[in-house]
Amino acid sequence: MAGLVDPMEELNYSVDNVEVNDTSVTVAGWALVLGEEIWERDCNVVLEGEVSGDRIVIPTMIRERPDLSLFFADGQDYTKAGYMAQVRSDKLNLKHEDYLIYLEYRSNGHNWLKKTGGMVKRIRETEWQEADNPMFRFSVDEVSTEDRKVKVEGWMLWEGRDSNEAEVTLLFRNGTTGKVYEIPTSVDKREDLNDVFVDGCDYQNAGFTSTIEIWRFDWEYEWHEVCLRYRIGDEVYDVGTGEIVRRRVN
């Protein structure tokens, strides 16, 4: 399996959602080449163990995305550019390692193997890494509950540094025990941040979305602070947002 990039074209893609539970792992998003109608497509999600380097190839199903034709608005029909891939959790070694998400994409004679920056992770207890950096900017835009899940959306950036090489992860810090849990988090494209922070840096990858099944925490008797982890290379910084999740979730 090889990745070949056509120098005259570029693959546009997004990993919109990564869900990990005890039975399955689901990865969903979209991929397309601007200006090209999708005559035929072969798209796979490839998961690579961060420690072992082992790879598992997961065929995807087409997920219709009529919103993409409206968003790009160049006259092409991108409805069939959406994808969804699912694999049983026991096919992965999530107790011991995380998995990098690649897209293997063939369409109209193109052939790509793209590292997306997305990760498949499970909830893990972690150590708190205190941050003392006045250049961090962040916002928890929404904490919502739906379908017995808690969804957290927002953004975090280091002012003056591109976000492309950074990873933002959601943390929950237990208000009673002080234990910290790292929650699987997806990148949420936020091009609007480049309009707010006009210093020439690219902050579009500073957005995040995270979804947690309600049953994983005791929401009735415990409260948690929403915290954020900023990782770039070997540097890791944790900050508390002051946002508290304490109410019982039905």
C-alpha atoms as a PDB file:
ATOM      1  CA  MET A   1       0.000   0.000   0.000  1.00  0.00           C
ATOM      2  CA  ALA A   2       1.611   3.245  -1.113  1.00  0.00           C
ATOM      3  CA  GLY A   3       0.621   6.863  -1.093  1.00  0.00           C
ATOM      4  CA  LEU A   4       1.038   8.862  -4.296  1.00  0.00           C
ATOM      5  CA  VAL A   5       0.222  12.564  -4.423  1.00  0.00           C
ATOM      6  CA  ASP A   6      -0.552  14.198  -7.754  1.00  0.00           C
ATOM      7  CA  PRO A   7       1.470  17.464  -7.674  1.00  0.00           C
ATOM      8  CA  MET A   8      -1.170  19.220  -9.796  1.00  0.00           C
ATOM      9  CA  GLU A   9      -4.090  18.388  -7.507  1.00  0.00           C
ATOM     10  CA  GLU A  10      -4.754  18.268  -3.809  1.00  0.00           C
ATOM     11  CA  LEU A  11      -7.030  16.096  -1.721  1.00  0.00           C
ATOM     12  CA  ASN A  12      -9.390  18.064   0.490  1.00  0.00           C
ATOM     13  CA  TYR A  13     -10.622  16.083   3.482  1.00  0.00           C
ATOM     14  CA  SER A  14     -11.897  16.211   7.025  1.00  0.00           C
ATOM     15  CA  VAL A  15     -12.235  13.786   9.926  1.00  0.00           C
ATOM     16  CA  ASP A  16     -15.446  15.162  11.420  1.00  0.00           C
ATOM     17  CA  ASN A  17     -16.162  12.572  14.052  1.00  0.00           C
ATOM     18  CA  VAL A  18     -14.357   9.787  15.924  1.00  0.00           C
ATOM     19  CA  GLU A  19     -16.416   7.700  18.341  1.00  0.00           C
ATOM     20  CA  VAL A  20     -14.871   5.014  20.543  1.00  0.00           C
ATOM     21  CA  ASN A  21     -16.931   2.713  22.744  1.00  0.00           C
ATOM     22  CA  ASP A  22     -16.580  -0.769  24.206  1.00  0.00           C
ATOM     23  CA  THR A  23     -17.831  -2.512  21.066  1.00  0.00           C
ATOM     24  CA  SER A  24     -16.808  -0.385  18.075  1.00  0.00           C
ATOM     25  CA  VAL A  25     -14.776   2.496  16.678  1.00  0.00           C
ATOM     26  CA  THR A  26     -16.403   4.787  14.108  1.00  0.00           C
ATOM     27  CA  VAL A  27     -14.594   7.355  11.940  1.00  0.00           C
ATOM     28  CA  ALA A  28     -16.607   9.713   9.719  1.00  0.00           C
ATOM     29  CA  GLY A  29     -15.819  12.703   7.507  1.00  0.00           C
ATOM     30  CA  TRP A  30     -15.403  13.615   3.850  1.00  0.00           C
ATOM     31  CA  ALA A  31     -12.784  13.659   1.082  1.00  0.00           C
ATOM     32  CA  LEU A  32     -12.799  15.198  -2.392  1.00  0.00           C
ATOM     33  CA  VAL A  33     -10.758  16.873  -5.113  1.00  0.00           C
ATOM     34  CA  LEU A  34     -12.052  20.367  -5.825  1.00  0.00           C
ATOM     35  CA  GLY A  35     -13.419  20.824  -9.313  1.00  0.00           C
ATOM     36  CA  GLU A  36     -13.728  17.111 -10.047  1.00  0.00           C
ATOM     37  CA  GLU A  37     -16.960  15.173 -10.206  1.00  0.00           C
ATOM     38  CA  ILE A  38     -16.750  11.897  -8.313  1.00  0.00           C
ATOM     39  CA  TRP A  39     -17.111   9.318 -11.104  1.00  0.00           C
ATOM     40  CA  GLU A  40     -15.709   6.496  -9.026  1.00  0.00           C
ATOM     41  CA  ARG A  41     -14.095   6.355  -5.617  1.00  0.00           C
ATOM     42  CA  ASP A  42     -12.222   3.901  -3.439  1.00  0.00           C
ATOM     43  CA  CYS A  43     -11.755   5.283   0.056  1.00  0.00           C
ATOM     44  CA  ASN A  44     -10.401   3.482   3.117  1.00  0.00           C
ATOM     45  CA  VAL A  45      -9.610   4.601   6.632  1.00  0.00           C
ATOM     46  CA  VAL A  46      -6.201   3.318   7.726  1.00  0.00           C
ATOM     47  CA  LEU A  47      -5.402   3.155  11.444  1.00  0.00           C
ATOM     48  CA  GLU A  48      -1.719   3.000  12.425  1.00  0.00           C
ATOM     49  CA  GLY A  49      -0.654   2.072  15.956  1.00  0.00           C
ATOM     50  CA  GLU A  50       1.362   4.964  17.404  1.00  0.00           C
ATOM     51  CA  VAL A  51       3.687   2.575  19.246  1.00  0.00           C
ATOM     52  CA  SER A  52       3.672  -0.647  17.219  1.00  0.00           C
ATOM     53  CA  GLY A  53       3.289   0.856  13.748  1.00  0.00           C
ATOM     54  CA  ASP A  54       0.772  -1.890  12.936  1.00  0.00           C
ATOM     55  CA  ARG A  55      -1.830  -0.870  10.374  1.00  0.00           C
ATOM     56  CA  ILE A  56      -5.432  -1.928   9.904  1.00  0.00           C
ATOM     57  CA  VAL A  57      -7.343  -0.967   6.747  1.00  0.00           C
ATOM     58  CA  ILE A  58     -11.069  -0.283   7.191  1.00  0.00           C
ATOM     59  CA  PRO A  59     -13.264   0.005   4.069  1.00  0.00           C
ATOM     60  CA  THR A  60     -15.680   2.932   4.218  1.00  0.00           C
ATOM     61  CA  MET A  61     -19.314   3.361   3.312  1.00  0.00           C
ATOM     62  CA  ILE A  62     -20.510   6.376   1.344  1.00  0.00           C
ATOM     63  CA  ARG A  63     -22.254   8.896   3.547  1.00  0.00           C
ATOM     64  CA  GLU A  64     -24.168  11.405   1.470  1.00  0.00           C
ATOM     65  CA  ARG A  65     -23.172  15.005   2.215  1.00  0.00           C
ATOM     66  CA  PRO A  66     -25.256  17.457   0.114  1.00  0.00           C
ATOM     67  CA  ASP A  67     -23.905  20.282   2.290  1.00  0.00           C
ATOM     68  CA  LEU A  68     -20.491  19.941   0.612  1.00  0.00           C
ATOM     69  CA  SER A  69     -21.850  20.970  -2.797  1.00  0.00           C
ATOM     70  CA  LEU A  70     -23.409  24.027  -1.179  1.00  0.00           C
ATOM     71  CA  PHE A  71     -20.252  24.887   0.768  1.00  0.00           C
ATOM     72  CA  PHE A  72     -17.787  24.671  -2.142  1.00  0.00           C
ATOM     73  CA  ALA A  73     -20.359  25.943  -4.690  1.00  0.00           C
ATOM     74  CA  ASP A  74     -18.220  25.382  -7.817  1.00  0.00           C
ATOM     75  CA  GLY A  75     -20.882  23.566  -9.831  1.00  0.00           C
ATOM     76  CA  GLN A  76     -19.694  20.056  -8.982  1.00  0.00           C
ATOM     77  CA  ASP A  77     -21.757  17.457  -7.143  1.00  0.00           C
ATOM     78  CA  TYR A  78     -19.868  16.387  -4.004  1.00  0.00           C
ATOM     79  CA  THR A  79     -22.812  14.582  -2.409  1.00  0.00           C
ATOM     80  CA  LYS A  80     -21.004  11.242  -2.388  1.00  0.00           C
ATOM     81  CA  ALA A  81     -17.817  12.656  -0.837  1.00  0.00           C
ATOM     82  CA  GLY A  82     -18.815  11.682   2.706  1.00  0.00           C
ATOM     83  CA  TYR A  83     -17.479   8.507   4.284  1.00  0.00           C
ATOM     84  CA  MET A  84     -17.987   6.413   7.408  1.00  0.00           C
ATOM     85  CA  ALA A  85     -15.823   3.521   8.598  1.00  0.00           C
ATOM     86  CA  GLN A  86     -16.463   1.194  11.515  1.00  0.00           C
ATOM     87  CA  VAL A  87     -14.399  -1.541  13.136  1.00  0.00           C
ATOM     88  CA  ARG A  88     -14.863  -3.689  16.230  1.00  0.00           C
ATOM     89  CA  SER A  89     -12.948  -2.358  19.233  1.00  0.00           C
ATOM     90  CA  ASP A  90     -11.383  -5.746  19.912  1.00  0.00           C
ATOM     91  CA  LYS A  91      -9.564  -5.501  16.559  1.00  0.00           C
ATOM     92  CA  LEU A  92      -7.467  -2.691  18.051  1.00  0.00           C
ATOM     93  CA  ASN A  93      -5.070  -2.602  20.996  1.00  0.00           C
ATOM     94  CA  LEU A  94      -6.536   0.536  22.560  1.00  0.00           C
ATOM     95  CA  LYS A  95      -5.488  -0.417  26.089  1.00  0.00           C
ATOM     96  CA  HIS A  96      -1.850   0.088  25.149  1.00  0.00           C
ATOM     97  CA  GLU A  97      -1.704   2.536  22.270  1.00  0.00           C
ATOM     98  CA  ASP A  98      -3.491   5.203  20.265  1.00  0.00           C
ATOM     99  CA  TYR A  99      -3.980   5.052  16.502  1.00  0.00           C
ATOM    100  CA  LEU A 100      -3.159   7.647  13.849  1.00  0.00           C
ATOM    101  CA  ILE A 101      -5.864   8.114  11.214  1.00  0.00           C
ATOM    102  CA  TYR A 102      -4.888   8.039   7.530  1.00  0.00           C
ATOM    103  CA  LEU A 103      -7.103   8.232   4.453  1.00  0.00           C
ATOM    104  CA  GLU A 104      -6.312   5.932   1.528  1.00  0.00           C
ATOM    105  CA  TYR A 105      -8.134   7.534  -1.378  1.00  0.00           C
ATOM    106  CA  ARG A 106      -8.354   6.671  -5.064  1.00  0.00           C
ATOM    107  CA  SER A 107     -10.533   8.656  -7.440  1.00  0.00           C
ATOM    108  CA  ASN A 108     -10.375   9.642 -11.119  1.00  0.00           C
ATOM    109  CA  GLY A 109      -6.839   8.315 -11.467  1.00  0.00           C
ATOM    110  CA  HIS A 110      -5.530   9.916  -8.242  1.00  0.00           C
ATOM    111  CA  ASN A 111      -3.975   7.871  -5.469  1.00  0.00           C
ATOM    112  CA  TRP A 112      -3.339   9.271  -1.999  1.00  0.00           C
ATOM    113  CA  LEU A 113      -2.394   8.036   1.445  1.00  0.00           C
ATOM    114  CA  LYS A 114      -2.936  11.072   3.680  1.00  0.00           C
ATOM    115  CA  LYS A 115      -2.087  11.435   7.356  1.00  0.00           C
ATOM    116  CA  THR A 116      -5.087  13.392   8.631  1.00  0.00           C
ATOM    117  CA  GLY A 117      -3.913  14.479  12.072  1.00  0.00           C
ATOM    118  CA  GLY A 118      -6.877  12.657  13.622  1.00  0.00           C
ATOM    119  CA  MET A 119      -6.455  10.049  16.360  1.00  0.00           C
ATOM    120  CA  VAL A 120      -8.378   7.104  17.742  1.00  0.00           C
ATOM    121  CA  LYS A 121      -8.064   7.104  21.525  1.00  0.00           C
ATOM    122  CA  ARG A 122      -9.904   5.762  24.535  1.00  0.00           C
ATOM    123  CA  ILE A 123     -10.577   7.596  27.792  1.00  0.00           C
ATOM    124  CA  ARG A 124      -7.528   7.264  30.021  1.00  0.00           C
ATOM    125  CA  GLU A 125      -6.461   8.572  33.398  1.00  0.00           C
ATOM    126  CA  THR A 126      -3.519  10.934  32.998  1.00  0.00           C
ATOM    127  CA  GLU A 127      -1.183  13.173  34.991  1.00  0.00           C
ATOM    128  CA  TRP A 128      -1.865  16.915  35.200  1.00  0.00           C
ATOM    129  CA  GLN A 129       0.719  19.061  33.377  1.00  0.00           C
ATOM    130  CA  GLU A 130       0.386  22.589  34.762  1.00  0.00           C
ATOM    131  CA  ALA A 131       0.652  25.396  32.193  1.00  0.00           C
ATOM    132  CA  ASP A 132       1.947  28.863  33.008  1.00  0.00           C
ATOM    133  CA  ASN A 133       1.738  30.536  29.629  1.00  0.00           C
ATOM    134  CA  PRO A 134      -0.048  33.871  29.140  1.00  0.00           C
ATOM    135  CA  MET A 135      -0.103  33.330  25.350  1.00  0.00           C
ATOM    136  CA  PHE A 136      -2.750  30.599  25.518  1.00  0.00           C
ATOM    137  CA  ARG A 137      -6.199  31.619  24.325  1.00  0.00           C
ATOM    138  CA  PHE A 138      -9.191  29.291  24.579  1.00  0.00           C
ATOM    139  CA  SER A 139     -12.952  29.053  24.735  1.00  0.00           C
ATOM    140  CA  VAL A 140     -15.460  26.357  25.647  1.00  0.00           C
ATOM    141  CA  ASP A 141     -18.218  27.359  23.244  1.00  0.00           C
ATOM    142  CA  GLU A 142     -20.780  24.713  24.116  1.00  0.00           C
ATOM    143  CA  VAL A 143     -21.436  21.848  26.516  1.00  0.00           C
ATOM    144  CA  SER A 144     -24.584  19.965  25.462  1.00  0.00           C
ATOM    145  CA  THR A 145     -26.290  16.638  26.103  1.00  0.00           C
ATOM    146  CA  GLU A 146     -28.055  14.586  23.459  1.00  0.00           C
ATOM    147  CA  ASP A 147     -28.731  10.872  22.901  1.00  0.00           C
ATOM    148  CA  ARG A 148     -27.173  10.039  26.269  1.00  0.00           C
ATOM    149  CA  LYS A 149     -23.920  11.714  25.329  1.00  0.00           C
ATOM    150  CA  VAL A 150     -22.136  14.870  26.455  1.00  0.00           C
ATOM    151  CA  LYS A 151     -20.679  16.989  23.663  1.00  0.00           C
ATOM    152  CA  VAL A 152     -18.052  19.675  24.263  1.00  0.00           C
ATOM    153  CA  GLU A 153     -16.992  22.147  21.566  1.00  0.00           C
ATOM    154  CA  GLY A 154     -14.508  25.024  21.592  1.00  0.00           C
ATOM    155  CA  TRP A 155     -10.993  26.063  20.638  1.00  0.00           C
ATOM    156  CA  MET A 156      -7.512  26.572  22.075  1.00  0.00           C
ATOM    157  CA  LEU A 157      -4.442  28.202  20.561  1.00  0.00           C
ATOM    158  CA  TRP A 158      -0.998  29.490  21.426  1.00  0.00           C
ATOM    159  CA  GLU A 159      -0.991  33.035  20.155  1.00  0.00           C
ATOM    160  CA  GLY A 160       1.869  33.527  17.730  1.00  0.00           C
ATOM    161  CA  ARG A 161       2.265  29.839  16.826  1.00  0.00           C
ATOM    162  CA  ASP A 162       0.513  27.960  14.019  1.00  0.00           C
ATOM    163  CA  SER A 163      -1.996  25.369  15.204  1.00  0.00           C
ATOM    164  CA  ASN A 164      -1.251  22.923  12.380  1.00  0.00           C
ATOM    165  CA  GLU A 165       1.350  20.975  14.338  1.00  0.00           C
ATOM    166  CA  ALA A 166      -0.432  21.195  17.700  1.00  0.00           C
ATOM    167  CA  GLU A 167      -2.964  18.829  19.251  1.00  0.00           C
ATOM    168  CA  VAL A 168      -5.741  19.999  21.556  1.00  0.00           C
ATOM    169  CA  THR A 169      -7.342  17.395  23.815  1.00  0.00           C
ATOM    170  CA  LEU A 170     -10.248  17.642  26.227  1.00  0.00           C
ATOM    171  CA  LEU A 171      -9.625  16.726  29.873  1.00  0.00           C
ATOM    172  CA  PHE A 172     -12.083  16.153  32.709  1.00  0.00           C
ATOM    173  CA  ARG A 173     -10.711  16.876  36.203  1.00  0.00           C
ATOM    174  CA  ASN A 174     -12.734  15.271  38.994  1.00  0.00           C
ATOM    175  CA  GLY A 175     -13.635  17.904  41.584  1.00  0.00           C
ATOM    176  CA  THR A 176     -13.652  15.379  44.439  1.00  0.00           C
ATOM    177  CA  THR A 177     -10.698  13.104  43.731  1.00  0.00           C
ATOM    178  CA  GLY A 178      -8.586  15.438  41.573  1.00  0.00           C
ATOM    179  CA  LYS A 179      -8.105  12.640  39.047  1.00  0.00           C
ATOM    180  CA  VAL A 180      -7.669  13.766  35.434  1.00  0.00           C
ATOM    181  CA  TYR A 181      -9.082  11.921  32.426  1.00  0.00           C
ATOM    182  CA  GLU A 182      -8.044  12.483  28.821  1.00  0.00           C
ATOM    183  CA  ILE A 183     -11.037  12.344  26.482  1.00  0.00           C
ATOM    184  CA  PRO A 184     -10.839  11.410  22.765  1.00  0.00           C
ATOM    185  CA  THR A 185     -11.049  14.662  20.794  1.00  0.00           C
ATOM    186  CA  SER A 186     -11.468  15.548  17.121  1.00  0.00           C
ATOM    187  CA  VAL A 187     -10.159  18.599  15.250  1.00  0.00           C
ATOM    188  CA  ASP A 188     -12.871  21.106  14.336  1.00  0.00           C
ATOM    189  CA  LYS A 189     -11.885  23.472  11.519  1.00  0.00           C
ATOM    190  CA  ARG A 190     -12.208  27.083  12.700  1.00  0.00           C
ATOM    191  CA  GLU A 191     -11.213  29.406   9.865  1.00  0.00           C
ATOM    192  CA  ASP A 192     -12.973  32.238  11.720  1.00  0.00           C
ATOM    193  CA  LEU A 193     -10.134  32.309  14.248  1.00  0.00           C
ATOM    194  CA  ASN A 194      -7.791  33.656  11.559  1.00  0.00           C
ATOM    195  CA  ASP A 195     -10.139  36.639  11.250  1.00  0.00           C
ATOM    196  CA  VAL A 196      -9.962  37.282  15.008  1.00  0.00           C
ATOM    197  CA  PHE A 197      -6.221  36.714  15.524  1.00  0.00           C
ATOM    198  CA  VAL A 198      -4.674  38.564  12.579  1.00  0.00           C
ATOM    199  CA  ASP A 199      -0.983  38.004  13.301  1.00  0.00           C
ATOM    200  CA  GLY A 200      -0.219  35.922  10.193  1.00  0.00           C
ATOM    201  CA  CYS A 201      -0.389  32.562  11.973  1.00  0.00           C
ATOM    202  CA  ASP A 202      -2.773  29.815  10.896  1.00  0.00           C
ATOM    203  CA  TYR A 203      -5.213  28.875  13.665  1.00  0.00           C
ATOM    204  CA  GLN A 204      -7.836  26.979  11.652  1.00  0.00           C
ATOM    205  CA  ASN A 205      -6.954  23.661  13.339  1.00  0.00           C
ATOM    206  CA  ALA A 206      -7.401  25.109  16.837  1.00  0.00           C
ATOM    207  CA  GLY A 207     -11.039  24.021  17.134  1.00  0.00           C
ATOM    208  CA  PHE A 208     -12.063  20.821  18.863  1.00  0.00           C
ATOM    209  CA  THR A 209     -15.118  18.620  19.383  1.00  0.00           C
ATOM    210  CA  SER A 210     -15.431  15.797  21.886  1.00  0.00           C
ATOM    211  CA  THR A 211     -18.284  13.407  22.666  1.00  0.00           C
ATOM    212  CA  ILE A 212     -18.465  11.274  25.818  1.00  0.00           C
ATOM    213  CA  GLU A 213     -21.011   8.589  26.656  1.00  0.00           C
ATOM    214  CA  ILE A 214     -22.863   9.626  29.815  1.00  0.00           C
ATOM    215  CA  TRP A 215     -22.393   6.282  31.556  1.00  0.00           C
ATOM    216  CA  ARG A 216     -18.609   6.679  31.697  1.00  0.00           C
ATOM    217  CA  PHE A 217     -18.830   9.126  34.625  1.00  0.00           C
ATOM    218  CA  ASP A 218     -20.989   9.389  37.734  1.00  0.00           C
ATOM    219  CA  TRP A 219     -22.687  12.677  36.909  1.00  0.00           C
ATOM    220  CA  GLU A 220     -25.147  12.443  39.792  1.00  0.00           C
ATOM    221  CA  TYR A 221     -22.653  12.437  42.647  1.00  0.00           C
ATOM    222  CA  GLU A 222     -19.498  13.932  41.153  1.00  0.00           C
ATOM    223  CA  TRP A 223     -18.601  17.107  39.287  1.00  0.00           C
ATOM    224  CA  HIS A 224     -15.836  17.662  36.764  1.00  0.00           C
ATOM    225  CA  GLU A 225     -13.999  20.704  35.477  1.00  0.00           C
ATOM    226  CA  VAL A 226     -13.599  20.941  31.717  1.00  0.00           C
ATOM    227  CA  CYS A 227      -9.859  21.335  31.070  1.00  0.00           C
ATOM    228  CA  LEU A 228      -7.757  21.492  27.923  1.00  0.00           C
ATOM    229  CA  ARG A 229      -4.432  19.945  26.988  1.00  0.00           C
ATOM    230  CA  TYR A 230      -2.199  21.583  24.390  1.00  0.00           C
ATOM    231  CA  ARG A 231       0.491  19.318  22.957  1.00  0.00           C
ATOM    232  CA  ILE A 232       3.097  20.333  20.400  1.00  0.00           C
ATOM    233  CA  GLY A 233       6.023  17.971  19.893  1.00  0.00           C
ATOM    234  CA  ASP A 234       7.266  16.924  23.333  1.00  0.00           C
ATOM    235  CA  GLU A 235       5.713  19.952  25.043  1.00  0.00           C
ATOM    236  CA  VAL A 236       2.489  19.351  26.997  1.00  0.00           C
ATOM    237  CA  TYR A 237       0.472  22.045  28.798  1.00  0.00           C
ATOM    238  CA  ASP A 238      -2.814  21.699  30.707  1.00  0.00           C
ATOM    239  CA  VAL A 239      -5.170  24.557  31.582  1.00  0.00           C
ATOM    240  CA  GLY A 240      -8.410  24.681  33.524  1.00  0.00           C
ATOM    241  CA  THR A 241     -11.269  26.498  31.826  1.00  0.00           C
ATOM    242  CA  GLY A 242     -13.474  27.041  34.870  1.00  0.00           C
ATOM    243  CA  GLU A 243     -16.368  25.324  33.086  1.00  0.00           C
ATOM    244  CA  ILE A 244     -17.998  22.845  35.497  1.00  0.00           C
ATOM    245  CA  VAL A 245     -20.135  19.848  34.570  1.00  0.00           C
ATOM    246  CA  ARG A 246     -21.975  18.859  37.718  1.00  0.00           C
ATOM    247  CA  ARG A 247     -25.656  18.345  36.995  1.00  0.00           C
ATOM    248  CA  ARG A 248     -27.321  14.999  36.638  1.00  0.00           C
ATOM    249  CA  VAL A 249     -27.678  14.082  32.969  1.00  0.00           C
ATOM    250  CA  ASN A 250     -30.847  12.177  32.063  1.00  0.00           C
END
